[in-house]
């Protein structure tokens, strides 16, 4: 009787271990797939040529080319802007898109400066060139 109980317990432990391993394996695959989707590519003007880079390869002084739907890859100062509106909710918590332009700003904080776009915000409309 006790032998059967021992075998049942060991069997339950083995089944539980296999199930846990399978769950962990599937979760790791899902995370890897998400990482591939989240690799952000950016159009950059570097040395007079427009190239596509990963956001992680940006360097200070690169000129990022932004357009509607882009996630801003780094904190940047605008040098050209055409009807640019940016959703800053991820940074400031304000939901309406904010207009941005190249004019001088009197704001002390880069969060509210009109000539700065911050990493993690999204371009809602317009186009721009900005120095990283």
Protein backbone atom coordinates (compact mmCIF):
# COMPACT_ATOMS: atom_id res chain seq x y z
CA UNK A 1 0.00 0.00 0.00
CA UNK A 2 2.74 2.44 0.96
CA UNK A 3 4.72 1.48 -2.15
CA UNK A 4 1.78 2.46 -4.36
CA UNK A 5 1.43 5.76 -2.55
CA UNK A 6 5.16 6.46 -2.98
CA UNK A 7 4.99 5.66 -6.69
CA UNK A 8 1.92 7.92 -7.08
CA UNK A 9 3.69 10.81 -5.33
CA UNK A 10 6.83 10.38 -7.44
CA UNK A 11 4.68 10.20 -10.59
CA UNK A 12 2.87 13.40 -9.62
CA UNK A 13 6.20 15.15 -9.02
CA UNK A 14 7.52 14.05 -12.43
CA UNK A 15 4.35 15.16 -14.24
CA UNK A 16 4.45 18.50 -12.41
CA UNK A 17 8.13 18.97 -13.31
CA UNK A 18 7.52 18.22 -16.99
CA UNK A 19 4.53 20.57 -17.09
CA UNK A 20 6.53 23.38 -15.37
CA UNK A 21 9.42 22.93 -17.79
CA UNK A 22 7.05 23.12 -20.78
CA UNK A 23 5.40 26.29 -19.44
CA UNK A 24 8.77 27.97 -18.86
CA UNK A 25 9.99 26.98 -22.32
CA UNK A 26 6.90 28.46 -24.02
CA UNK A 27 7.19 31.67 -21.95
CA UNK A 28 10.84 32.12 -23.00
CA UNK A 29 9.89 31.65 -26.65
CA UNK A 30 7.17 34.30 -26.33
CA UNK A 31 9.58 36.78 -24.74
CA UNK A 32 12.15 36.16 -27.48
CA UNK A 33 9.50 36.78 -30.16
CA UNK A 34 8.46 40.03 -28.47
CA UNK A 35 12.08 41.21 -28.30
CA UNK A 36 12.39 40.71 -32.06
CA UNK A 37 9.24 42.75 -32.63
CA UNK A 38 10.46 45.54 -30.36
CA UNK A 39 13.77 46.11 -32.14
CA UNK A 40 13.26 49.70 -33.15
CA UNK A 41 14.73 50.83 -36.44
CA UNK A 42 15.30 54.50 -37.17
CA UNK A 43 15.92 56.46 -40.37
CA UNK A 44 19.07 58.53 -39.78
CA UNK A 45 20.97 61.06 -41.84
CA UNK A 46 24.64 60.36 -41.18
CA UNK A 47 27.48 61.77 -43.31
CA UNK A 48 24.95 63.13 -45.80
CA UNK A 49 23.36 59.70 -46.42
CA UNK A 50 20.04 58.38 -45.16
CA UNK A 51 20.48 54.99 -43.54
CA UNK A 52 18.41 52.75 -41.29
CA UNK A 53 19.85 51.88 -37.87
CA UNK A 54 18.71 50.18 -34.73
CA UNK A 55 17.85 52.76 -32.08
CA UNK A 56 20.54 51.26 -29.87
CA UNK A 57 23.17 52.22 -32.49
CA UNK A 58 22.35 55.95 -32.45
CA UNK A 59 25.14 58.31 -31.49
CA UNK A 60 25.04 61.93 -30.31
CA UNK A 61 24.99 64.18 -33.37
CA UNK A 62 23.02 61.76 -35.57
CA UNK A 63 20.05 63.34 -37.31
CA UNK A 64 16.93 61.23 -36.77
CA UNK A 65 14.20 61.49 -39.41
CA UNK A 66 10.81 61.26 -37.75
CA UNK A 67 7.38 60.83 -39.28
CA UNK A 68 3.86 59.88 -38.28
CA UNK A 69 3.73 56.61 -36.34
CA UNK A 70 7.40 56.61 -35.30
CA UNK A 71 8.48 56.09 -31.73
CA UNK A 72 11.04 58.76 -30.85
CA UNK A 73 14.27 56.75 -30.38
CA UNK A 74 16.21 59.20 -28.18
CA UNK A 75 15.98 62.66 -26.67
CA UNK A 76 16.40 65.03 -29.62
CA UNK A 77 16.38 68.74 -30.45
CA UNK A 78 14.33 69.61 -33.53
CA UNK A 79 16.06 71.21 -36.51
CA UNK A 80 13.16 70.88 -38.98
CA UNK A 81 9.49 70.28 -38.22
CA UNK A 82 6.43 70.23 -40.45
CA UNK A 83 3.10 69.98 -38.60
CA UNK A 84 4.70 67.88 -35.88
CA UNK A 85 2.49 66.68 -33.03
CA UNK A 86 3.82 64.26 -30.43
CA UNK A 87 1.98 62.08 -27.90
CA UNK A 88 3.88 62.70 -24.65
CA UNK A 89 1.58 60.65 -22.41
CA UNK A 90 4.32 58.12 -21.62
CA UNK A 91 6.52 60.89 -20.21
CA UNK A 92 4.20 63.62 -18.91
CA UNK A 93 0.91 61.79 -18.47
CA UNK A 94 -0.92 64.35 -20.64
CA UNK A 95 -3.05 62.59 -23.24
CA UNK A 96 -3.58 65.28 -25.92
CA UNK A 97 -0.84 65.37 -28.58
CA UNK A 98 1.51 68.33 -28.17
CA UNK A 99 2.63 70.53 -31.07
CA UNK A 100 6.38 70.77 -31.51
CA UNK A 101 8.46 73.15 -33.66
CA UNK A 102 12.01 74.43 -34.09
CA UNK A 103 11.50 77.84 -32.49
CA UNK A 104 13.25 78.83 -29.26
CA UNK A 105 11.58 77.70 -26.06
CA UNK A 106 11.31 79.55 -22.77
CA UNK A 107 10.64 76.38 -20.78
CA UNK A 108 13.23 75.34 -18.21
CA UNK A 109 12.24 71.67 -18.36
CA UNK A 110 12.84 69.59 -21.52
CA UNK A 111 9.53 67.85 -20.75
CA UNK A 112 7.62 70.91 -21.95
CA UNK A 113 10.11 72.54 -24.35
CA UNK A 114 8.52 73.00 -27.78
CA UNK A 115 11.75 72.30 -29.66
CA UNK A 116 12.59 68.98 -27.96
CA UNK A 117 11.16 65.49 -28.48
CA UNK A 118 11.80 62.87 -25.83
CA UNK A 119 12.61 59.18 -26.10
CA UNK A 120 9.58 56.95 -25.77
CA UNK A 121 7.08 59.48 -27.11
CA UNK A 122 5.22 58.85 -30.38
CA UNK A 123 4.88 61.05 -33.46
CA UNK A 124 1.13 61.47 -34.04
CA UNK A 125 1.35 63.65 -37.15
CA UNK A 126 3.83 65.55 -39.27
CA UNK A 127 7.49 65.06 -40.05
CA UNK A 128 10.71 66.28 -38.49
CA UNK A 129 14.47 66.08 -38.43
CA UNK A 130 16.09 66.15 -35.01
CA UNK A 131 19.62 65.99 -33.62
CA UNK A 132 20.18 63.22 -31.10
